[in-house]
Amino acid sequence: GDFNEPQRKIVSLTADFMGRYFGCKVKIRDDLPLSLIPD
């Protein structure tokens, strides 16, 4: 779905934190649209 700029920052920071928390590499994939969710 859609994100504003501060929300994008939250995504990026969360990915960083998760890598430290679990000791695993974290990758952010390209967006998927909400249109993939049926009515």
PDB file of all heavy atoms in Angstrom:
ATOM      1  N   GLY A   1       0.818  -1.215   0.000  1.00  0.00           N
ATOM      2  CA  GLY A   1       0.000   0.000   0.000  1.00  0.00           C
ATOM      3  C   GLY A   1       0.847   1.259   0.000  1.00  0.00           C
ATOM      4  O   GLY A   1       2.050   1.230  -0.279  1.00  0.00           O
ATOM      5  N   ASP A   2       0.220   2.388   0.339  1.00  0.00           N
ATOM      6  CA  ASP A   2       0.872   3.699   0.281  1.00  0.00           C
ATOM      7  C   ASP A   2       1.409   4.119   1.647  1.00  0.00           C
ATOM      8  O   ASP A   2       0.846   3.771   2.688  1.00  0.00           O
ATOM      9  CB  ASP A   2      -0.123   4.752  -0.213  1.00  0.00           C
ATOM     10  CG  ASP A   2      -0.618   4.466  -1.628  1.00  0.00           C
ATOM     11  OD1 ASP A   2       0.191   3.957  -2.435  1.00  0.00           O
ATOM     12  OD2 ASP A   2      -1.807   4.726  -1.899  1.00  0.00           O
ATOM     13  N   PHE A   3       2.509   4.901   1.623  1.00  0.00           N
ATOM     14  CA  PHE A   3       3.138   5.420   2.835  1.00  0.00           C
ATOM     15  C   PHE A   3       3.540   6.868   2.606  1.00  0.00           C
ATOM     16  O   PHE A   3       4.000   7.224   1.515  1.00  0.00           O
ATOM     17  CB  PHE A   3       4.394   4.621   3.207  1.00  0.00           C
ATOM     18  CG  PHE A   3       4.173   3.157   3.431  1.00  0.00           C
ATOM     19  CD1 PHE A   3       4.216   2.257   2.375  1.00  0.00           C
ATOM     20  CD2 PHE A   3       3.927   2.667   4.699  1.00  0.00           C
ATOM     21  CE1 PHE A   3       4.015   0.909   2.572  1.00  0.00           C
ATOM     22  CE2 PHE A   3       3.714   1.311   4.909  1.00  0.00           C
ATOM     23  CZ  PHE A   3       3.753   0.435   3.843  1.00  0.00           C
ATOM     24  N   ASN A   4       3.415   7.717   3.636  1.00  0.00           N
ATOM     25  CA  ASN A   4       3.997   9.047   3.552  1.00  0.00           C
ATOM     26  C   ASN A   4       5.482   8.965   3.929  1.00  0.00           C
ATOM     27  O   ASN A   4       5.973   7.901   4.335  1.00  0.00           O
ATOM     28  CB  ASN A   4       3.235  10.047   4.427  1.00  0.00           C
ATOM     29  CG  ASN A   4       3.202   9.652   5.898  1.00  0.00           C
ATOM     30  OD1 ASN A   4       4.207   9.233   6.472  1.00  0.00           O
ATOM     31  ND2 ASN A   4       2.031   9.785   6.533  1.00  0.00           N
ATOM     32  N   GLU A   5       6.188  10.074   3.809  1.00  0.00           N
ATOM     33  CA  GLU A   5       7.647  10.045   3.998  1.00  0.00           C
ATOM     34  C   GLU A   5       8.064   9.615   5.406  1.00  0.00           C
ATOM     35  O   GLU A   5       8.961   8.772   5.565  1.00  0.00           O
ATOM     36  CB  GLU A   5       8.250  11.412   3.652  1.00  0.00           C
ATOM     37  CG  GLU A   5       9.762  11.395   3.500  1.00  0.00           C
ATOM     38  CD  GLU A   5      10.252  10.401   2.449  1.00  0.00           C
ATOM     39  OE1 GLU A   5       9.587  10.240   1.412  1.00  0.00           O
ATOM     40  OE2 GLU A   5      11.313   9.784   2.676  1.00  0.00           O
ATOM     41  N   PRO A   6       7.462  10.162   6.483  1.00  0.00           N
ATOM     42  CA  PRO A   6       7.829   9.685   7.820  1.00  0.00           C
ATOM     43  C   PRO A   6       7.538   8.189   8.014  1.00  0.00           C
ATOM     44  O   PRO A   6       8.278   7.487   8.710  1.00  0.00           O
ATOM     45  CB  PRO A   6       6.973  10.547   8.751  1.00  0.00           C
ATOM     46  CG  PRO A   6       6.709  11.781   7.978  1.00  0.00           C
ATOM     47  CD  PRO A   6       6.542  11.319   6.562  1.00  0.00           C
ATOM     48  N   GLN A   7       6.454   7.704   7.420  1.00  0.00           N
ATOM     49  CA  GLN A   7       6.158   6.275   7.506  1.00  0.00           C
ATOM     50  C   GLN A   7       7.222   5.450   6.791  1.00  0.00           C
ATOM     51  O   GLN A   7       7.592   4.363   7.251  1.00  0.00           O
ATOM     52  CB  GLN A   7       4.773   5.989   6.927  1.00  0.00           C
ATOM     53  CG  GLN A   7       3.633   6.497   7.782  1.00  0.00           C
ATOM     54  CD  GLN A   7       2.285   6.390   7.098  1.00  0.00           C
ATOM     55  OE1 GLN A   7       2.195   6.360   5.866  1.00  0.00           O
ATOM     56  NE2 GLN A   7       1.214   6.326   7.873  1.00  0.00           N
ATOM     57  N   ARG A   8       7.725   5.962   5.673  1.00  0.00           N
ATOM     58  CA  ARG A   8       8.830   5.288   4.977  1.00  0.00           C
ATOM     59  C   ARG A   8      10.059   5.210   5.881  1.00  0.00           C
ATOM     60  O   ARG A   8      10.767   4.209   5.897  1.00  0.00           O
ATOM     61  CB  ARG A   8       9.194   6.052   3.706  1.00  0.00           C
ATOM     62  CG  ARG A   8       8.180   5.981   2.612  1.00  0.00           C
ATOM     63  CD  ARG A   8       8.265   4.676   1.857  1.00  0.00           C
ATOM     64  NE  ARG A   8       7.272   4.630   0.800  1.00  0.00           N
ATOM     65  CZ  ARG A   8       6.943   3.544   0.134  1.00  0.00           C
ATOM     66  NH1 ARG A   8       7.519   2.389   0.425  1.00  0.00           N
ATOM     67  NH2 ARG A   8       6.036   3.580  -0.816  1.00  0.00           N
ATOM     68  N   LYS A   9      10.281   6.274   6.633  1.00  0.00           N
ATOM     69  CA  LYS A   9      11.414   6.269   7.560  1.00  0.00           C
ATOM     70  C   LYS A   9      11.221   5.210   8.634  1.00  0.00           C
ATOM     71  O   LYS A   9      12.185   4.523   9.028  1.00  0.00           O
ATOM     72  CB  LYS A   9      11.571   7.651   8.199  1.00  0.00           C
ATOM     73  CG  LYS A   9      12.787   7.766   9.108  1.00  0.00           C
ATOM     74  CD  LYS A   9      12.977   9.179   9.629  1.00  0.00           C
ATOM     75  CE  LYS A   9      14.226   9.269  10.501  1.00  0.00           C
ATOM     76  NZ  LYS A   9      14.433  10.663  11.011  1.00  0.00           N
ATOM     77  N   ILE A  10       9.978   5.075   9.107  1.00  0.00           N
ATOM     78  CA  ILE A  10       9.672   4.044  10.095  1.00  0.00           C
ATOM     79  C   ILE A  10       9.998   2.658   9.534  1.00  0.00           C
ATOM     80  O   ILE A  10      10.577   1.806  10.221  1.00  0.00           O
ATOM     81  CB  ILE A  10       8.187   4.107  10.509  1.00  0.00           C
ATOM     82  CG1 ILE A  10       7.874   5.416  11.239  1.00  0.00           C
ATOM     83  CG2 ILE A  10       7.808   2.897  11.367  1.00  0.00           C
ATOM     84  CD1 ILE A  10       8.476   5.540  12.605  1.00  0.00           C
ATOM     85  N   VAL A  11       9.635   2.422   8.284  1.00  0.00           N
ATOM     86  CA  VAL A  11       9.930   1.130   7.638  1.00  0.00           C
ATOM     87  C   VAL A  11      11.432   0.883   7.627  1.00  0.00           C
ATOM     88  O   VAL A  11      11.910  -0.206   7.992  1.00  0.00           O
ATOM     89  CB  VAL A  11       9.375   1.096   6.204  1.00  0.00           C
ATOM     90  CG1 VAL A  11       9.783  -0.200   5.510  1.00  0.00           C
ATOM     91  CG2 VAL A  11       7.865   1.223   6.191  1.00  0.00           C
ATOM     92  N   SER A  12      12.197   1.878   7.202  1.00  0.00           N
ATOM     93  CA  SER A  12      13.645   1.719   7.095  1.00  0.00           C
ATOM     94  C   SER A  12      14.294   1.479   8.453  1.00  0.00           C
ATOM     95  O   SER A  12      15.146   0.597   8.612  1.00  0.00           O
ATOM     96  CB  SER A  12      14.240   2.967   6.432  1.00  0.00           C
ATOM     97  OG  SER A  12      15.644   2.882   6.360  1.00  0.00           O
ATOM     98  N   LEU A  13      13.887   2.269   9.453  1.00  0.00           N
ATOM     99  CA  LEU A  13      14.455   2.106  10.789  1.00  0.00           C
ATOM    100  C   LEU A  13      14.070   0.758  11.401  1.00  0.00           C
ATOM    101  O   LEU A  13      14.882   0.120  12.088  1.00  0.00           O
ATOM    102  CB  LEU A  13      13.985   3.245  11.699  1.00  0.00           C
ATOM    103  CG  LEU A  13      14.579   4.628  11.406  1.00  0.00           C
ATOM    104  CD1 LEU A  13      13.897   5.683  12.262  1.00  0.00           C
ATOM    105  CD2 LEU A  13      16.082   4.635  11.647  1.00  0.00           C
ATOM    106  N   THR A  14      12.861   0.329  11.157  1.00  0.00           N
ATOM    107  CA  THR A  14      12.416  -0.967  11.672  1.00  0.00           C
ATOM    108  C   THR A  14      13.224  -2.107  11.063  1.00  0.00           C
ATOM    109  O   THR A  14      13.595  -3.062  11.752  1.00  0.00           O
ATOM    110  CB  THR A  14      10.914  -1.164  11.396  1.00  0.00           C
ATOM    111  OG1 THR A  14      10.176  -0.129  12.041  1.00  0.00           O
ATOM    112  CG2 THR A  14      10.435  -2.517  11.930  1.00  0.00           C
ATOM    113  N   ALA A  15      13.515  -2.008   9.780  1.00  0.00           N
ATOM    114  CA  ALA A  15      14.342  -3.028   9.130  1.00  0.00           C
ATOM    115  C   ALA A  15      15.718  -3.091   9.772  1.00  0.00           C
ATOM    116  O   ALA A  15      16.268  -4.177  10.020  1.00  0.00           O
ATOM    117  CB  ALA A  15      14.450  -2.730   7.638  1.00  0.00           C
ATOM    118  N   ASP A  16      16.294  -1.931  10.059  1.00  0.00           N
ATOM    119  CA  ASP A  16      17.600  -1.857  10.716  1.00  0.00           C
ATOM    120  C   ASP A  16      17.541  -2.517  12.090  1.00  0.00           C
ATOM    121  O   ASP A  16      18.395  -3.353  12.449  1.00  0.00           O
ATOM    122  CB  ASP A  16      18.007  -0.385  10.832  1.00  0.00           C
ATOM    123  CG  ASP A  16      19.381  -0.187  11.459  1.00  0.00           C
ATOM    124  OD1 ASP A  16      20.081  -1.174  11.728  1.00  0.00           O
ATOM    125  OD2 ASP A  16      19.756   0.985  11.684  1.00  0.00           O
ATOM    126  N   PHE A  17      16.535  -2.171  12.871  1.00  0.00           N
ATOM    127  CA  PHE A  17      16.387  -2.712  14.225  1.00  0.00           C
ATOM    128  C   PHE A  17      16.208  -4.226  14.196  1.00  0.00           C
ATOM    129  O   PHE A  17      16.809  -4.949  15.007  1.00  0.00           O
ATOM    130  CB  PHE A  17      15.187  -2.047  14.900  1.00  0.00           C
ATOM    131  CG  PHE A  17      15.015  -2.407  16.349  1.00  0.00           C
ATOM    132  CD1 PHE A  17      15.729  -1.754  17.328  1.00  0.00           C
ATOM    133  CD2 PHE A  17      14.115  -3.388  16.742  1.00  0.00           C
ATOM    134  CE1 PHE A  17      15.562  -2.063  18.678  1.00  0.00           C
ATOM    135  CE2 PHE A  17      13.932  -3.720  18.071  1.00  0.00           C
ATOM    136  CZ  PHE A  17      14.666  -3.050  19.050  1.00  0.00           C
ATOM    137  N   MET A  18      15.398  -4.715  13.269  1.00  0.00           N
ATOM    138  CA  MET A  18      15.137  -6.154  13.200  1.00  0.00           C
ATOM    139  C   MET A  18      16.408  -6.932  12.896  1.00  0.00           C
ATOM    140  O   MET A  18      16.619  -8.036  13.422  1.00  0.00           O
ATOM    141  CB  MET A  18      14.075  -6.442  12.151  1.00  0.00           C
ATOM    142  CG  MET A  18      12.683  -5.978  12.538  1.00  0.00           C
ATOM    143  SD  MET A  18      11.490  -6.180  11.214  1.00  0.00           S
ATOM    144  CE  MET A  18      11.460  -7.969  11.073  1.00  0.00           C
ATOM    145  N   GLY A  19      17.267  -6.376  12.040  1.00  0.00           N
ATOM    146  CA  GLY A  19      18.526  -7.047  11.752  1.00  0.00           C
ATOM    147  C   GLY A  19      19.379  -7.196  12.994  1.00  0.00           C
ATOM    148  O   GLY A  19      20.022  -8.232  13.208  1.00  0.00           O
ATOM    149  N   ARG A  20      19.397  -6.173  13.828  1.00  0.00           N
ATOM    150  CA  ARG A  20      20.164  -6.222  15.080  1.00  0.00           C
ATOM    151  C   ARG A  20      19.496  -7.152  16.099  1.00  0.00           C
ATOM    152  O   ARG A  20      20.180  -7.855  16.864  1.00  0.00           O
ATOM    153  CB  ARG A  20      20.261  -4.807  15.679  1.00  0.00           C
ATOM    154  CG  ARG A  20      20.938  -3.784  14.777  1.00  0.00           C
ATOM    155  CD  ARG A  20      20.705  -2.374  15.304  1.00  0.00           C
ATOM    156  NE  ARG A  20      21.134  -1.334  14.388  1.00  0.00           N
ATOM    157  CZ  ARG A  20      22.205  -0.548  14.562  1.00  0.00           C
ATOM    158  NH1 ARG A  20      22.953  -0.698  15.640  1.00  0.00           N
ATOM    159  NH2 ARG A  20      22.512   0.382  13.695  1.00  0.00           N
ATOM    160  N   TYR A  21      18.192  -7.140  16.129  1.00  0.00           N
ATOM    161  CA  TYR A  21      17.403  -7.889  17.116  1.00  0.00           C
ATOM    162  C   TYR A  21      17.545  -9.398  16.917  1.00  0.00           C
ATOM    163  O   TYR A  21      17.635 -10.164  17.881  1.00  0.00           O
ATOM    164  CB  TYR A  21      15.944  -7.478  16.955  1.00  0.00           C
ATOM    165  CG  TYR A  21      15.036  -7.686  18.146  1.00  0.00           C
ATOM    166  CD1 TYR A  21      14.873  -6.681  19.098  1.00  0.00           C
ATOM    167  CD2 TYR A  21      14.281  -8.844  18.287  1.00  0.00           C
ATOM    168  CE1 TYR A  21      13.989  -6.831  20.165  1.00  0.00           C
ATOM    169  CE2 TYR A  21      13.399  -8.999  19.347  1.00  0.00           C
ATOM    170  CZ  TYR A  21      13.264  -7.998  20.290  1.00  0.00           C
ATOM    171  OH  TYR A  21      12.392  -8.152  21.340  1.00  0.00           O
ATOM    172  N   PHE A  22      17.533  -9.825  15.646  1.00  0.00           N
ATOM    173  CA  PHE A  22      17.564 -11.258  15.342  1.00  0.00           C
ATOM    174  C   PHE A  22      18.895 -11.738  14.777  1.00  0.00           C
ATOM    175  O   PHE A  22      19.080 -12.941  14.583  1.00  0.00           O
ATOM    176  CB  PHE A  22      16.441 -11.610  14.358  1.00  0.00           C
ATOM    177  CG  PHE A  22      15.070 -11.469  14.943  1.00  0.00           C
ATOM    178  CD1 PHE A  22      14.272 -10.376  14.634  1.00  0.00           C
ATOM    179  CD2 PHE A  22      14.567 -12.419  15.821  1.00  0.00           C
ATOM    180  CE1 PHE A  22      13.004 -10.227  15.179  1.00  0.00           C
ATOM    181  CE2 PHE A  22      13.303 -12.285  16.374  1.00  0.00           C
ATOM    182  CZ  PHE A  22      12.523 -11.187  16.054  1.00  0.00           C
ATOM    183  N   GLY A  23      19.806 -10.821  14.496  1.00  0.00           N
ATOM    184  CA  GLY A  23      21.095 -11.235  13.949  1.00  0.00           C
ATOM    185  C   GLY A  23      20.983 -11.795  12.552  1.00  0.00           C
ATOM    186  O   GLY A  23      21.758 -12.669  12.157  1.00  0.00           O
ATOM    187  N   CYS A  24      20.007 -11.306  11.782  1.00  0.00           N
ATOM    188  CA  CYS A  24      19.788 -11.761  10.408  1.00  0.00           C
ATOM    189  C   CYS A  24      19.846 -10.572   9.456  1.00  0.00           C
ATOM    190  O   CYS A  24      19.558  -9.437   9.831  1.00  0.00           O
ATOM    191  CB  CYS A  24      18.416 -12.427  10.265  1.00  0.00           C
ATOM    192  SG  CYS A  24      18.218 -13.971  11.172  1.00  0.00           S
ATOM    193  N   LYS A  25      20.203 -10.842   8.211  1.00  0.00           N
ATOM    194  CA  LYS A  25      20.149  -9.818   7.177  1.00  0.00           C
ATOM    195  C   LYS A  25      18.699  -9.508   6.867  1.00  0.00           C
ATOM    196  O   LYS A  25      17.856 -10.403   6.788  1.00  0.00           O
ATOM    197  CB  LYS A  25      20.857 -10.304   5.912  1.00  0.00           C
ATOM    198  CG  LYS A  25      21.022  -9.246   4.833  1.00  0.00           C
ATOM    199  CD  LYS A  25      21.862  -9.764   3.680  1.00  0.00           C
ATOM    200  CE  LYS A  25      22.088  -8.682   2.646  1.00  0.00           C
ATOM    201  NZ  LYS A  25      22.948  -9.170   1.520  1.00  0.00           N
ATOM    202  N   VAL A  26      18.384  -8.213   6.679  1.00  0.00           N
ATOM    203  CA  VAL A  26      17.019  -7.776   6.385  1.00  0.00           C
ATOM    204  C   VAL A  26      17.019  -7.014   5.065  1.00  0.00           C
ATOM    205  O   VAL A  26      17.842  -6.123   4.850  1.00  0.00           O
ATOM    206  CB  VAL A  26      16.451  -6.881   7.505  1.00  0.00           C
ATOM    207  CG1 VAL A  26      15.051  -6.415   7.166  1.00  0.00           C
ATOM    208  CG2 VAL A  26      16.449  -7.633   8.836  1.00  0.00           C
ATOM    209  N   LYS A  27      16.098  -7.354   4.188  1.00  0.00           N
ATOM    210  CA  LYS A  27      15.960  -6.679   2.900  1.00  0.00           C
ATOM    211  C   LYS A  27      14.531  -6.175   2.734  1.00  0.00           C
ATOM    212  O   LYS A  27      13.574  -6.885   3.060  1.00  0.00           O
ATOM    213  CB  LYS A  27      16.295  -7.635   1.744  1.00  0.00           C
ATOM    214  CG  LYS A  27      17.764  -8.022   1.648  1.00  0.00           C
ATOM    215  CD  LYS A  27      18.015  -8.889   0.406  1.00  0.00           C
ATOM    216  CE  LYS A  27      19.478  -9.248   0.249  1.00  0.00           C
ATOM    217  NZ  LYS A  27      19.721 -10.070  -0.972  1.00  0.00           N
ATOM    218  N   ILE A  28      14.401  -4.949   2.200  1.00  0.00           N
ATOM    219  CA  ILE A  28      13.097  -4.374   1.906  1.00  0.00           C
ATOM    220  C   ILE A  28      12.799  -4.576   0.432  1.00  0.00           C
ATOM    221  O   ILE A  28      13.585  -4.184  -0.433  1.00  0.00           O
ATOM    222  CB  ILE A  28      13.050  -2.879   2.265  1.00  0.00           C
ATOM    223  CG1 ILE A  28      13.353  -2.673   3.753  1.00  0.00           C
ATOM    224  CG2 ILE A  28      11.683  -2.296   1.917  1.00  0.00           C
ATOM    225  CD1 ILE A  28      13.412  -1.220   4.171  1.00  0.00           C
ATOM    226  N   ARG A  29      11.672  -5.172   0.126  1.00  0.00           N
ATOM    227  CA  ARG A  29      11.282  -5.450  -1.255  1.00  0.00           C
ATOM    228  C   ARG A  29      10.528  -4.258  -1.858  1.00  0.00           C
ATOM    229  O   ARG A  29      10.126  -3.335  -1.150  1.00  0.00           O
ATOM    230  CB  ARG A  29      10.410  -6.704  -1.316  1.00  0.00           C
ATOM    231  CG  ARG A  29      11.020  -7.915  -0.630  1.00  0.00           C
ATOM    232  CD  ARG A  29      10.189  -9.154  -0.843  1.00  0.00           C
ATOM    233  NE  ARG A  29      10.480  -9.777  -2.133  1.00  0.00           N
ATOM    234  CZ  ARG A  29       9.811 -10.805  -2.632  1.00  0.00           C
ATOM    235  NH1 ARG A  29       8.792 -11.320  -1.961  1.00  0.00           N
ATOM    236  NH2 ARG A  29      10.140 -11.337  -3.787  1.00  0.00           N
ATOM    237  N   ASP A  30      10.334  -4.296  -3.172  1.00  0.00           N
ATOM    238  CA  ASP A  30       9.539  -3.273  -3.847  1.00  0.00           C
ATOM    239  C   ASP A  30       8.090  -3.334  -3.370  1.00  0.00           C
ATOM    240  O   ASP A  30       7.576  -4.410  -3.031  1.00  0.00           O
ATOM    241  CB  ASP A  30       9.595  -3.474  -5.357  1.00  0.00           C
ATOM    242  CG  ASP A  30      10.983  -3.228  -5.935  1.00  0.00           C
ATOM    243  OD1 ASP A  30      11.779  -2.514  -5.279  1.00  0.00           O
ATOM    244  OD2 ASP A  30      11.276  -3.749  -7.031  1.00  0.00           O
ATOM    245  N   ASP A  31       7.423  -2.183  -3.381  1.00  0.00           N
ATOM    246  CA  ASP A  31       6.044  -2.098  -2.894  1.00  0.00           C
ATOM    247  C   ASP A  31       5.097  -2.998  -3.683  1.00  0.00           C
ATOM    248  O   ASP A  31       5.288  -3.226  -4.882  1.00  0.00           O
ATOM    249  CB  ASP A  31       5.523  -0.663  -3.023  1.00  0.00           C
ATOM    250  CG  ASP A  31       6.222   0.296  -2.082  1.00  0.00           C
ATOM    251  OD1 ASP A  31       7.176  -0.123  -1.408  1.00  0.00           O
ATOM    252  OD2 ASP A  31       5.807   1.462  -2.018  1.00  0.00           O
ATOM    253  N   LEU A  32       4.070  -3.472  -2.977  1.00  0.00           N
ATOM    254  CA  LEU A  32       2.912  -4.088  -3.620  1.00  0.00           C
ATOM    255  C   LEU A  32       1.711  -3.183  -3.409  1.00  0.00           C
ATOM    256  O   LEU A  32       1.547  -2.607  -2.331  1.00  0.00           O
ATOM    257  CB  LEU A  32       2.618  -5.472  -3.015  1.00  0.00           C
ATOM    258  CG  LEU A  32       3.614  -6.598  -3.319  1.00  0.00           C
ATOM    259  CD1 LEU A  32       3.198  -7.865  -2.576  1.00  0.00           C
ATOM    260  CD2 LEU A  32       3.721  -6.874  -4.810  1.00  0.00           C
ATOM    261  N   PRO A  33       0.827  -3.036  -4.415  1.00  0.00           N
ATOM    262  CA  PRO A  33      -0.333  -2.157  -4.267  1.00  0.00           C
ATOM    263  C   PRO A  33      -1.473  -2.835  -3.503  1.00  0.00           C
ATOM    264  O   PRO A  33      -1.619  -4.059  -3.529  1.00  0.00           O
ATOM    265  CB  PRO A  33      -0.747  -1.892  -5.719  1.00  0.00           C
ATOM    266  CG  PRO A  33      -0.334  -3.143  -6.449  1.00  0.00           C
ATOM    267  CD  PRO A  33       0.940  -3.601  -5.782  1.00  0.00           C
ATOM    268  N   LEU A  34      -2.286  -2.021  -2.832  1.00  0.00           N
ATOM    269  CA  LEU A  34      -3.450  -2.557  -2.128  1.00  0.00           C
ATOM    270  C   LEU A  34      -4.491  -3.130  -3.086  1.00  0.00           C
ATOM    271  O   LEU A  34      -5.377  -3.877  -2.668  1.00  0.00           O
ATOM    272  CB  LEU A  34      -4.111  -1.472  -1.279  1.00  0.00           C
ATOM    273  CG  LEU A  34      -3.514  -1.205   0.109  1.00  0.00           C
ATOM    274  CD1 LEU A  34      -4.325  -0.150   0.832  1.00  0.00           C
ATOM    275  CD2 LEU A  34      -3.436  -2.477   0.934  1.00  0.00           C
ATOM    276  N   SER A  35      -4.371  -2.798  -4.364  1.00  0.00           N
ATOM    277  CA  SER A  35      -5.314  -3.335  -5.349  1.00  0.00           C
ATOM    278  C   SER A  35      -5.219  -4.849  -5.470  1.00  0.00           C
ATOM    279  O   SER A  35      -6.125  -5.494  -6.008  1.00  0.00           O
ATOM    280  CB  SER A  35      -5.075  -2.700  -6.722  1.00  0.00           C
ATOM    281  OG  SER A  35      -3.746  -2.934  -7.170  1.00  0.00           O
ATOM    282  N   LEU A  36      -4.150  -5.437  -4.937  1.00  0.00           N
ATOM    283  CA  LEU A  36      -4.018  -6.898  -4.938  1.00  0.00           C
ATOM    284  C   LEU A  36      -4.953  -7.547  -3.910  1.00  0.00           C
ATOM    285  O   LEU A  36      -5.172  -8.757  -3.957  1.00  0.00           O
ATOM    286  CB  LEU A  36      -2.571  -7.304  -4.644  1.00  0.00           C
ATOM    287  CG  LEU A  36      -1.539  -6.966  -5.722  1.00  0.00           C
ATOM    288  CD1 LEU A  36      -0.129  -7.305  -5.236  1.00  0.00           C
ATOM    289  CD2 LEU A  36      -1.839  -7.732  -7.013  1.00  0.00           C
ATOM    290  N   ILE A  37      -5.478  -6.750  -2.980  1.00  0.00           N
ATOM    291  CA  ILE A  37      -6.399  -7.271  -1.972  1.00  0.00           C
ATOM    292  C   ILE A  37      -7.812  -7.171  -2.524  1.00  0.00           C
ATOM    293  O   ILE A  37      -8.299  -6.065  -2.804  1.00  0.00           O
ATOM    294  CB  ILE A  37      -6.306  -6.476  -0.654  1.00  0.00           C
ATOM    295  CG1 ILE A  37      -4.852  -6.381  -0.174  1.00  0.00           C
ATOM    296  CG2 ILE A  37      -7.194  -7.108   0.405  1.00  0.00           C
ATOM    297  CD1 ILE A  37      -4.229  -7.706   0.197  1.00  0.00           C
ATOM    298  N   PRO A  38      -8.532  -8.272  -2.701  1.00  0.00           N
ATOM    299  CA  PRO A  38      -9.887  -8.218  -3.265  1.00  0.00           C
ATOM    300  C   PRO A  38     -10.874  -7.564  -2.311  1.00  0.00           C
ATOM    301  O   PRO A  38     -10.627  -7.452  -1.097  1.00  0.00           O
ATOM    302  CB  PRO A  38     -10.228  -9.690  -3.486  1.00  0.00           C
ATOM    303  CG  PRO A  38      -9.400 -10.422  -2.487  1.00  0.00           C
ATOM    304  CD  PRO A  38      -8.116  -9.646  -2.366  1.00  0.00           C
ATOM    305  N   ASP A  39     -11.997  -7.131  -2.844  1.00  0.00           N
ATOM    306  CA  ASP A  39     -13.032  -6.489  -2.021  1.00  0.00           C
ATOM    307  C   ASP A  39     -13.497  -7.404  -0.890  1.00  0.00           C
ATOM    308  O   ASP A  39     -13.864  -6.928   0.193  1.00  0.00           O
ATOM    309  CB  ASP A  39     -14.225  -6.103  -2.892  1.00  0.00           C
ATOM    310  CG  ASP A  39     -13.897  -4.971  -3.858  1.00  0.00           C
ATOM    311  OD1 ASP A  39     -12.873  -4.285  -3.639  1.00  0.00           O
ATOM    312  OD2 ASP A  39     -14.657  -4.781  -4.817  1.00  0.00           O
TER     313      ASP A  39
END
